Amino acid sequence: MSESAPIYDDKAHVRGNLDLRDAEWKRPPEPEPEDGHVEIAFVPHTDGATYVAMRNSKQLEPVLVFTMAEWDAFVAGAKDGEFDEPW
């Protein structure tokens, strides 16, 4: 078995502690499909950082949480076609 790289969890202190009560969820403007929209919210935390929360509008949990660096990398990948269908 090969040795893997250490895991760095830079959101451990946030997991389960991000206050979403006042989150302003954003979603696409078109009518909601049967299985829901992806919603995102930019949520400040007491550690001084802002995190991006993501959920399904029809199933409010679980909520995925991303750092701004992770979100920026995702958006850049999407703009670059990294997640496009292969056909």
PDB file of N, CA and C in Angstrom:
ATOM      1  N   MET A   1       0.839  -1.175   0.000  1.00  0.00           N
ATOM      2  CA  MET A   1       0.000   0.000   0.000  1.00  0.00           C
ATOM      3  C   MET A   1       0.888   1.244   0.000  1.00  0.00           C
ATOM      4  N   SER A   2       0.585   2.177  -0.876  1.00  0.00           N
ATOM      5  CA  SER A   2       1.394   3.393  -0.944  1.00  0.00           C
ATOM      6  C   SER A   2       0.914   4.399   0.096  1.00  0.00           C
ATOM      7  N   GLU A   3       1.838   5.223   0.506  1.00  0.00           N
ATOM      8  CA  GLU A   3       1.526   6.238   1.497  1.00  0.00           C
ATOM      9  C   GLU A   3       0.838   7.409   0.806  1.00  0.00           C
ATOM     10  N   SER A   4      -0.272   7.876   1.364  1.00  0.00           N
ATOM     11  CA  SER A   4      -0.978   8.992   0.755  1.00  0.00           C
ATOM     12  C   SER A   4      -0.555  10.300   1.408  1.00  0.00           C
ATOM     13  N   ALA A   5      -0.856  11.382   0.723  1.00  0.00           N
ATOM     14  CA  ALA A   5      -0.541  12.708   1.245  1.00  0.00           C
ATOM     15  C   ALA A   5      -1.424  12.997   2.456  1.00  0.00           C
ATOM     16  N   PRO A   6      -0.929  13.779   3.393  1.00  0.00           N
ATOM     17  CA  PRO A   6      -1.768  14.123   4.547  1.00  0.00           C
ATOM     18  C   PRO A   6      -2.977  14.948   4.103  1.00  0.00           C
ATOM     19  N   ILE A   7      -4.056  14.775   4.805  1.00  0.00           N
ATOM     20  CA  ILE A   7      -5.278  15.512   4.489  1.00  0.00           C
ATOM     21  C   ILE A   7      -5.302  16.778   5.330  1.00  0.00           C
ATOM     22  N   TYR A   8      -5.499  17.908   4.668  1.00  0.00           N
ATOM     23  CA  TYR A   8      -5.601  19.191   5.355  1.00  0.00           C
ATOM     24  C   TYR A   8      -7.044  19.649   5.276  1.00  0.00           C
ATOM     25  N   ASP A   9      -7.717  19.705   6.394  1.00  0.00           N
ATOM     26  CA  ASP A   9      -9.120  20.100   6.443  1.00  0.00           C
ATOM     27  C   ASP A   9      -9.204  21.522   6.959  1.00  0.00           C
ATOM     28  N   ASP A  10      -9.256  22.479   6.041  1.00  0.00           N
ATOM     29  CA  ASP A  10      -9.274  23.885   6.442  1.00  0.00           C
ATOM     30  C   ASP A  10     -10.671  24.391   6.787  1.00  0.00           C
ATOM     31  N   LYS A  11     -11.653  23.482   6.828  1.00  0.00           N
ATOM     32  CA  LYS A  11     -13.007  23.884   7.202  1.00  0.00           C
ATOM     33  C   LYS A  11     -13.524  23.112   8.417  1.00  0.00           C
ATOM     34  N   ALA A  12     -12.668  22.380   9.100  1.00  0.00           N
ATOM     35  CA  ALA A  12     -13.116  21.566  10.235  1.00  0.00           C
ATOM     36  C   ALA A  12     -13.808  22.424  11.295  1.00  0.00           C
ATOM     37  N   HIS A  13     -13.297  23.617  11.531  1.00  0.00           N
ATOM     38  CA  HIS A  13     -13.884  24.492  12.550  1.00  0.00           C
ATOM     39  C   HIS A  13     -15.212  25.102  12.106  1.00  0.00           C
ATOM     40  N   VAL A  14     -15.515  25.013  10.810  1.00  0.00           N
ATOM     41  CA  VAL A  14     -16.734  25.595  10.265  1.00  0.00           C
ATOM     42  C   VAL A  14     -17.844  24.551  10.163  1.00  0.00           C
ATOM     43  N   ARG A  15     -17.454  23.324   9.880  1.00  0.00           N
ATOM     44  CA  ARG A  15     -18.431  22.261   9.647  1.00  0.00           C
ATOM     45  C   ARG A  15     -19.401  22.157  10.824  1.00  0.00           C
ATOM     46  N   GLY A  16     -20.676  22.332  10.537  1.00  0.00           N
ATOM     47  CA  GLY A  16     -21.703  22.275  11.568  1.00  0.00           C
ATOM     48  C   GLY A  16     -21.840  23.557  12.375  1.00  0.00           C
ATOM     49  N   ASN A  17     -20.980  24.546  12.122  1.00  0.00           N
ATOM     50  CA  ASN A  17     -21.010  25.795  12.890  1.00  0.00           C
ATOM     51  C   ASN A  17     -21.259  27.025  12.028  1.00  0.00           C
ATOM     52  N   LEU A  18     -21.608  26.846  10.771  1.00  0.00           N
ATOM     53  CA  LEU A  18     -21.866  27.977   9.892  1.00  0.00           C
ATOM     54  C   LEU A  18     -23.325  28.389  10.055  1.00  0.00           C
ATOM     55  N   ASP A  19     -23.560  29.615  10.463  1.00  0.00           N
ATOM     56  CA  ASP A  19     -24.915  30.102  10.719  1.00  0.00           C
ATOM     57  C   ASP A  19     -25.577  30.480   9.396  1.00  0.00           C
ATOM     58  N   LEU A  20     -26.540  29.673   8.982  1.00  0.00           N
ATOM     59  CA  LEU A  20     -27.217  29.875   7.700  1.00  0.00           C
ATOM     60  C   LEU A  20     -28.578  30.559   7.848  1.00  0.00           C
ATOM     61  N   ARG A  21     -28.937  30.954   9.057  1.00  0.00           N
ATOM     62  CA  ARG A  21     -30.269  31.541   9.280  1.00  0.00           C
ATOM     63  C   ARG A  21     -30.518  32.784   8.451  1.00  0.00           C
ATOM     64  N   ASP A  22     -29.519  33.622   8.260  1.00  0.00           N
ATOM     65  CA  ASP A  22     -29.699  34.857   7.492  1.00  0.00           C
ATOM     66  C   ASP A  22     -29.091  34.767   6.092  1.00  0.00           C
ATOM     67  N   ALA A  23     -28.780  33.555   5.658  1.00  0.00           N
ATOM     68  CA  ALA A  23     -28.173  33.378   4.332  1.00  0.00           C
ATOM     69  C   ALA A  23     -29.135  33.857   3.246  1.00  0.00           C
ATOM     70  N   GLU A  24     -28.595  34.561   2.268  1.00  0.00           N
ATOM     71  CA  GLU A  24     -29.373  35.005   1.113  1.00  0.00           C
ATOM     72  C   GLU A  24     -29.074  34.053  -0.032  1.00  0.00           C
ATOM     73  N   TRP A  25     -29.924  33.051  -0.188  1.00  0.00           N
ATOM     74  CA  TRP A  25     -29.716  32.013  -1.188  1.00  0.00           C
ATOM     75  C   TRP A  25     -30.009  32.560  -2.574  1.00  0.00           C
ATOM     76  N   LYS A  26     -29.099  32.290  -3.496  1.00  0.00           N
ATOM     77  CA  LYS A  26     -29.236  32.731  -4.893  1.00  0.00           C
ATOM     78  C   LYS A  26     -29.475  31.506  -5.760  1.00  0.00           C
ATOM     79  N   ARG A  27     -30.335  31.670  -6.756  1.00  0.00           N
ATOM     80  CA  ARG A  27     -30.639  30.578  -7.670  1.00  0.00           C
ATOM     81  C   ARG A  27     -30.909  31.144  -9.061  1.00  0.00           C
ATOM     82  N   PRO A  28     -30.895  30.290 -10.077  1.00  0.00           N
ATOM     83  CA  PRO A  28     -31.180  30.773 -11.434  1.00  0.00           C
ATOM     84  C   PRO A  28     -32.590  31.371 -11.514  1.00  0.00           C
ATOM     85  N   PRO A  29     -32.797  32.330 -12.423  1.00  0.00           N
ATOM     86  CA  PRO A  29     -34.096  32.998 -12.515  1.00  0.00           C
ATOM     87  C   PRO A  29     -35.189  32.171 -13.202  1.00  0.00           C
ATOM     88  N   GLU A  30     -34.815  31.145 -13.952  1.00  0.00           N
ATOM     89  CA  GLU A  30     -35.833  30.383 -14.667  1.00  0.00           C
ATOM     90  C   GLU A  30     -36.703  29.565 -13.706  1.00  0.00           C
ATOM     91  N   PRO A  31     -37.872  29.115 -14.178  1.00  0.00           N
ATOM     92  CA  PRO A  31     -38.769  28.327 -13.315  1.00  0.00           C
ATOM     93  C   PRO A  31     -38.054  27.110 -12.725  1.00  0.00           C
ATOM     94  N   GLU A  32     -38.453  26.767 -11.515  1.00  0.00           N
ATOM     95  CA  GLU A  32     -37.789  25.679 -10.802  1.00  0.00           C
ATOM     96  C   GLU A  32     -38.170  24.326 -11.399  1.00  0.00           C
ATOM     97  N   PRO A  33     -37.153  23.519 -11.754  1.00  0.00           N
ATOM     98  CA  PRO A  33     -37.454  22.183 -12.255  1.00  0.00           C
ATOM     99  C   PRO A  33     -37.965  21.283 -11.125  1.00  0.00           C
ATOM    100  N   GLU A  34     -38.536  20.159 -11.494  1.00  0.00           N
ATOM    101  CA  GLU A  34     -39.127  19.238 -10.511  1.00  0.00           C
ATOM    102  C   GLU A  34     -38.138  18.806  -9.438  1.00  0.00           C
ATOM    103  N   ASP A  35     -36.870  18.619  -9.828  1.00  0.00           N
ATOM    104  CA  ASP A  35     -35.878  18.155  -8.845  1.00  0.00           C
ATOM    105  C   ASP A  35     -35.126  19.301  -8.166  1.00  0.00           C
ATOM    106  N   GLY A  36     -35.525  20.543  -8.424  1.00  0.00           N
ATOM    107  CA  GLY A  36     -34.959  21.688  -7.717  1.00  0.00           C
ATOM    108  C   GLY A  36     -33.784  22.345  -8.417  1.00  0.00           C
ATOM    109  N   HIS A  37     -33.436  23.506  -7.924  1.00  0.00           N
ATOM    110  CA  HIS A  37     -32.287  24.283  -8.387  1.00  0.00           C
ATOM    111  C   HIS A  37     -31.127  24.101  -7.420  1.00  0.00           C
ATOM    112  N   VAL A  38     -29.940  24.361  -7.901  1.00  0.00           N
ATOM    113  CA  VAL A  38     -28.801  24.516  -7.007  1.00  0.00           C
ATOM    114  C   VAL A  38     -28.849  25.952  -6.499  1.00  0.00           C
ATOM    115  N   GLU A  39     -28.742  26.117  -5.188  1.00  0.00           N
ATOM    116  CA  GLU A  39     -28.717  27.442  -4.580  1.00  0.00           C
ATOM    117  C   GLU A  39     -27.370  27.643  -3.906  1.00  0.00           C
ATOM    118  N   ILE A  40     -26.874  28.878  -3.962  1.00  0.00           N
ATOM    119  CA  ILE A  40     -25.634  29.204  -3.257  1.00  0.00           C
ATOM    120  C   ILE A  40     -25.857  30.447  -2.392  1.00  0.00           C
ATOM    121  N   ALA A  41     -25.056  30.542  -1.343  1.00  0.00           N
ATOM    122  CA  ALA A  41     -25.082  31.719  -0.476  1.00  0.00           C
ATOM    123  C   ALA A  41     -23.653  31.994  -0.016  1.00  0.00           C
ATOM    124  N   PHE A  42     -23.291  33.257   0.025  1.00  0.00           N
ATOM    125  CA  PHE A  42     -21.997  33.679   0.543  1.00  0.00           C
ATOM    126  C   PHE A  42     -22.215  34.036   2.013  1.00  0.00           C
ATOM    127  N   VAL A  43     -21.589  33.269   2.909  1.00  0.00           N
ATOM    128  CA  VAL A  43     -21.890  33.358   4.332  1.00  0.00           C
ATOM    129  C   VAL A  43     -20.640  33.725   5.127  1.00  0.00           C
ATOM    130  N   PRO A  44     -20.658  34.863   5.808  1.00  0.00           N
ATOM    131  CA  PRO A  44     -19.522  35.220   6.664  1.00  0.00           C
ATOM    132  C   PRO A  44     -19.514  34.352   7.926  1.00  0.00           C
ATOM    133  N   HIS A  45     -18.322  34.074   8.415  1.00  0.00           N
ATOM    134  CA  HIS A  45     -18.156  33.250   9.619  1.00  0.00           C
ATOM    135  C   HIS A  45     -17.421  34.071  10.669  1.00  0.00           C
ATOM    136  N   THR A  46     -17.516  33.663  11.892  1.00  0.00           N
ATOM    137  CA  THR A  46     -16.850  34.387  12.981  1.00  0.00           C
ATOM    138  C   THR A  46     -15.331  34.353  12.874  1.00  0.00           C
ATOM    139  N   ASP A  47     -14.777  33.467  12.025  1.00  0.00           N
ATOM    140  CA  ASP A  47     -13.321  33.433  11.845  1.00  0.00           C
ATOM    141  C   ASP A  47     -12.839  34.533  10.896  1.00  0.00           C
ATOM    142  N   GLY A  48     -13.781  35.350  10.389  1.00  0.00           N
ATOM    143  CA  GLY A  48     -13.427  36.458   9.504  1.00  0.00           C
ATOM    144  C   GLY A  48     -13.471  36.103   8.031  1.00  0.00           C
ATOM    145  N   ALA A  49     -13.620  34.839   7.701  1.00  0.00           N
ATOM    146  CA  ALA A  49     -13.675  34.410   6.304  1.00  0.00           C
ATOM    147  C   ALA A  49     -15.131  34.296   5.851  1.00  0.00           C
ATOM    148  N   THR A  50     -15.321  34.400   4.546  1.00  0.00           N
ATOM    149  CA  THR A  50     -16.628  34.154   3.941  1.00  0.00           C
ATOM    150  C   THR A  50     -16.555  32.813   3.252  1.00  0.00           C
ATOM    151  N   TYR A  51     -17.581  32.000   3.444  1.00  0.00           N
ATOM    152  CA  TYR A  51     -17.660  30.680   2.832  1.00  0.00           C
ATOM    153  C   TYR A  51     -18.822  30.642   1.863  1.00  0.00           C
ATOM    154  N   VAL A  52     -18.755  29.727   0.912  1.00  0.00           N
ATOM    155  CA  VAL A  52     -19.846  29.543  -0.038  1.00  0.00           C
ATOM    156  C   VAL A  52     -20.594  28.280   0.377  1.00  0.00           C
ATOM    157  N   ALA A  53     -21.877  28.440   0.657  1.00  0.00           N
ATOM    158  CA  ALA A  53     -22.731  27.307   0.997  1.00  0.00           C
ATOM    159  C   ALA A  53     -23.538  26.952  -0.252  1.00  0.00           C
ATOM    160  N   MET A  54     -23.737  25.654  -0.486  1.00  0.00           N
ATOM    161  CA  MET A  54     -24.477  25.194  -1.650  1.00  0.00           C
ATOM    162  C   MET A  54     -25.464  24.117  -1.209  1.00  0.00           C
ATOM    163  N   ARG A  55     -26.683  24.204  -1.758  1.00  0.00           N
ATOM    164  CA  ARG A  55     -27.706  23.207  -1.434  1.00  0.00           C
ATOM    165  C   ARG A  55     -28.675  23.058  -2.608  1.00  0.00           C
ATOM    166  N   ASN A  56     -29.549  22.069  -2.511  1.00  0.00           N
ATOM    167  CA  ASN A  56     -30.614  21.866  -3.473  1.00  0.00           C
ATOM    168  C   ASN A  56     -31.860  22.547  -2.911  1.00  0.00           C
ATOM    169  N   SER A  57     -32.560  23.312  -3.742  1.00  0.00           N
ATOM    170  CA  SER A  57     -33.727  24.057  -3.266  1.00  0.00           C
ATOM    171  C   SER A  57     -34.870  23.161  -2.817  1.00  0.00           C
ATOM    172  N   LYS A  58     -34.911  21.924  -3.261  1.00  0.00           N
ATOM    173  CA  LYS A  58     -35.976  20.993  -2.867  1.00  0.00           C
ATOM    174  C   LYS A  58     -35.573  20.122  -1.676  1.00  0.00           C
ATOM    175  N   GLN A  59     -34.279  20.027  -1.423  1.00  0.00           N
ATOM    176  CA  GLN A  59     -33.775  19.212  -0.317  1.00  0.00           C
ATOM    177  C   GLN A  59     -32.733  20.082   0.395  1.00  0.00           C
ATOM    178  N   LEU A  60     -33.139  20.747   1.459  1.00  0.00           N
ATOM    179  CA  LEU A  60     -32.310  21.790   2.069  1.00  0.00           C
ATOM    180  C   LEU A  60     -31.085  21.279   2.804  1.00  0.00           C
ATOM    181  N   GLU A  61     -31.005  20.002   3.046  1.00  0.00           N
ATOM    182  CA  GLU A  61     -29.808  19.402   3.637  1.00  0.00           C
ATOM    183  C   GLU A  61     -29.426  18.199   2.811  1.00  0.00           C
ATOM    184  N   PRO A  62     -28.172  17.890   2.653  1.00  0.00           N
ATOM    185  CA  PRO A  62     -27.037  18.543   3.293  1.00  0.00           C
ATOM    186  C   PRO A  62     -26.661  19.837   2.580  1.00  0.00           C
ATOM    187  N   VAL A  63     -25.924  20.672   3.274  1.00  0.00           N
ATOM    188  CA  VAL A  63     -25.363  21.893   2.706  1.00  0.00           C
ATOM    189  C   VAL A  63     -23.865  21.662   2.539  1.00  0.00           C
ATOM    190  N   LEU A  64     -23.383  21.862   1.326  1.00  0.00           N
ATOM    191  CA  LEU A  64     -21.945  21.763   1.065  1.00  0.00           C
ATOM    192  C   LEU A  64     -21.313  23.120   1.348  1.00  0.00           C
ATOM    193  N   VAL A  65     -20.109  23.121   1.891  1.00  0.00           N
ATOM    194  CA  VAL A  65     -19.425  24.372   2.238  1.00  0.00           C
ATOM    195  C   VAL A  65     -18.066  24.403   1.566  1.00  0.00           C
ATOM    196  N   PHE A  66     -17.779  25.533   0.918  1.00  0.00           N
ATOM    197  CA  PHE A  66     -16.521  25.720   0.200  1.00  0.00           C
ATOM    198  C   PHE A  66     -15.830  26.987   0.677  1.00  0.00           C
ATOM    199  N   THR A  67     -14.500  26.963   0.688  1.00  0.00           N
ATOM    200  CA  THR A  67     -13.748  28.191   0.925  1.00  0.00           C
ATOM    201  C   THR A  67     -13.835  29.028  -0.343  1.00  0.00           C
ATOM    202  N   MET A  68     -13.483  30.285  -0.246  1.00  0.00           N
ATOM    203  CA  MET A  68     -13.503  31.142  -1.440  1.00  0.00           C
ATOM    204  C   MET A  68     -12.494  30.632  -2.472  1.00  0.00           C
ATOM    205  N   ALA A  69     -11.344  30.128  -2.032  1.00  0.00           N
ATOM    206  CA  ALA A  69     -10.351  29.591  -2.977  1.00  0.00           C
ATOM    207  C   ALA A  69     -10.913  28.376  -3.715  1.00  0.00           C
ATOM    208  N   GLU A  70     -11.613  27.498  -3.002  1.00  0.00           N
ATOM    209  CA  GLU A  70     -12.236  26.335  -3.647  1.00  0.00           C
ATOM    210  C   GLU A  70     -13.303  26.779  -4.636  1.00  0.00           C
ATOM    211  N   TRP A  71     -14.111  27.759  -4.248  1.00  0.00           N
ATOM    212  CA  TRP A  71     -15.173  28.261  -5.127  1.00  0.00           C
ATOM    213  C   TRP A  71     -14.575  28.897  -6.380  1.00  0.00           C
ATOM    214  N   ASP A  72     -13.549  29.725  -6.199  1.00  0.00           N
ATOM    215  CA  ASP A  72     -12.900  30.372  -7.347  1.00  0.00           C
ATOM    216  C   ASP A  72     -12.320  29.327  -8.294  1.00  0.00           C
ATOM    217  N   ALA A  73     -11.730  28.265  -7.763  1.00  0.00           N
ATOM    218  CA  ALA A  73     -11.178  27.192  -8.602  1.00  0.00           C
ATOM    219  C   ALA A  73     -12.297  26.477  -9.355  1.00  0.00           C
ATOM    220  N   PHE A  74     -13.423  26.227  -8.704  1.00  0.00           N
ATOM    221  CA  PHE A  74     -14.565  25.592  -9.357  1.00  0.00           C
ATOM    222  C   PHE A  74     -15.102  26.464 -10.492  1.00  0.00           C
ATOM    223  N   VAL A  75     -15.302  27.746 -10.226  1.00  0.00           N
ATOM    224  CA  VAL A  75     -15.827  28.662 -11.250  1.00  0.00           C
ATOM    225  C   VAL A  75     -14.862  28.742 -12.432  1.00  0.00           C
ATOM    226  N   ALA A  76     -13.565  28.841 -12.156  1.00  0.00           N
ATOM    227  CA  ALA A  76     -12.573  28.892 -13.241  1.00  0.00           C
ATOM    228  C   ALA A  76     -12.619  27.610 -14.071  1.00  0.00           C
ATOM    229  N   GLY A  77     -12.742  26.445 -13.416  1.00  0.00           N
ATOM    230  CA  GLY A  77     -12.838  25.182 -14.132  1.00  0.00           C
ATOM    231  C   GLY A  77     -14.087  25.112 -14.990  1.00  0.00           C
ATOM    232  N   ALA A  78     -15.211  25.592 -14.456  1.00  0.00           N
ATOM    233  CA  ALA A  78     -16.460  25.589 -15.220  1.00  0.00           C
ATOM    234  C   ALA A  78     -16.346  26.491 -16.447  1.00  0.00           C
ATOM    235  N   LYS A  79     -15.757  27.665 -16.281  1.00  0.00           N
ATOM    236  CA  LYS A  79     -15.584  28.587 -17.411  1.00  0.00           C
ATOM    237  C   LYS A  79     -14.644  28.007 -18.461  1.00  0.00           C
ATOM    238  N   ASP A  80     -13.696  27.194 -18.019  1.00  0.00           N
ATOM    239  CA  ASP A  80     -12.712  26.600 -18.922  1.00  0.00           C
ATOM    240  C   ASP A  80     -13.229  25.312 -19.577  1.00  0.00           C
ATOM    241  N   GLY A  81     -14.437  24.874 -19.212  1.00  0.00           N
ATOM    242  CA  GLY A  81     -15.006  23.679 -19.811  1.00  0.00           C
ATOM    243  C   GLY A  81     -14.600  22.381 -19.139  1.00  0.00           C
ATOM    244  N   GLU A  82     -13.985  22.467 -17.976  1.00  0.00           N
ATOM    245  CA  GLU A  82     -13.489  21.283 -17.279  1.00  0.00           C
ATOM    246  C   GLU A  82     -14.593  20.279 -16.958  1.00  0.00           C
ATOM    247  N   PHE A  83     -15.819  20.749 -16.792  1.00  0.00           N
ATOM    248  CA  PHE A  83     -16.920  19.860 -16.404  1.00  0.00           C
ATOM    249  C   PHE A  83     -17.904  19.597 -17.534  1.00  0.00           C
ATOM    250  N   ASP A  84     -17.536  19.983 -18.760  1.00  0.00           N
ATOM    251  CA  ASP A  84     -18.416  19.750 -19.906  1.00  0.00           C
ATOM    252  C   ASP A  84     -18.543  18.271 -20.204  1.00  0.00           C
ATOM    253  N   GLU A  85     -19.663  17.910 -20.789  1.00  0.00           N
ATOM    254  CA  GLU A  85     -19.869  16.521 -21.236  1.00  0.00           C
ATOM    255  C   GLU A  85     -18.803  16.193 -22.271  1.00  0.00           C
ATOM    256  N   PRO A  86     -18.340  14.940 -22.303  1.00  0.00           N
ATOM    257  CA  PRO A  86     -17.247  14.579 -23.232  1.00  0.00           C
ATOM    258  C   PRO A  86     -17.687  14.445 -24.688  1.00  0.00           C
ATOM    259  N   TRP A  87     -18.974  14.526 -24.987  1.00  0.00           N
ATOM    260  CA  TRP A  87     -19.405  14.372 -26.375  1.00  0.00           C
ATOM    261  C   TRP A  87     -19.778  15.664 -27.021  1.00  0.00           C
TER     262      TRP A  87
END
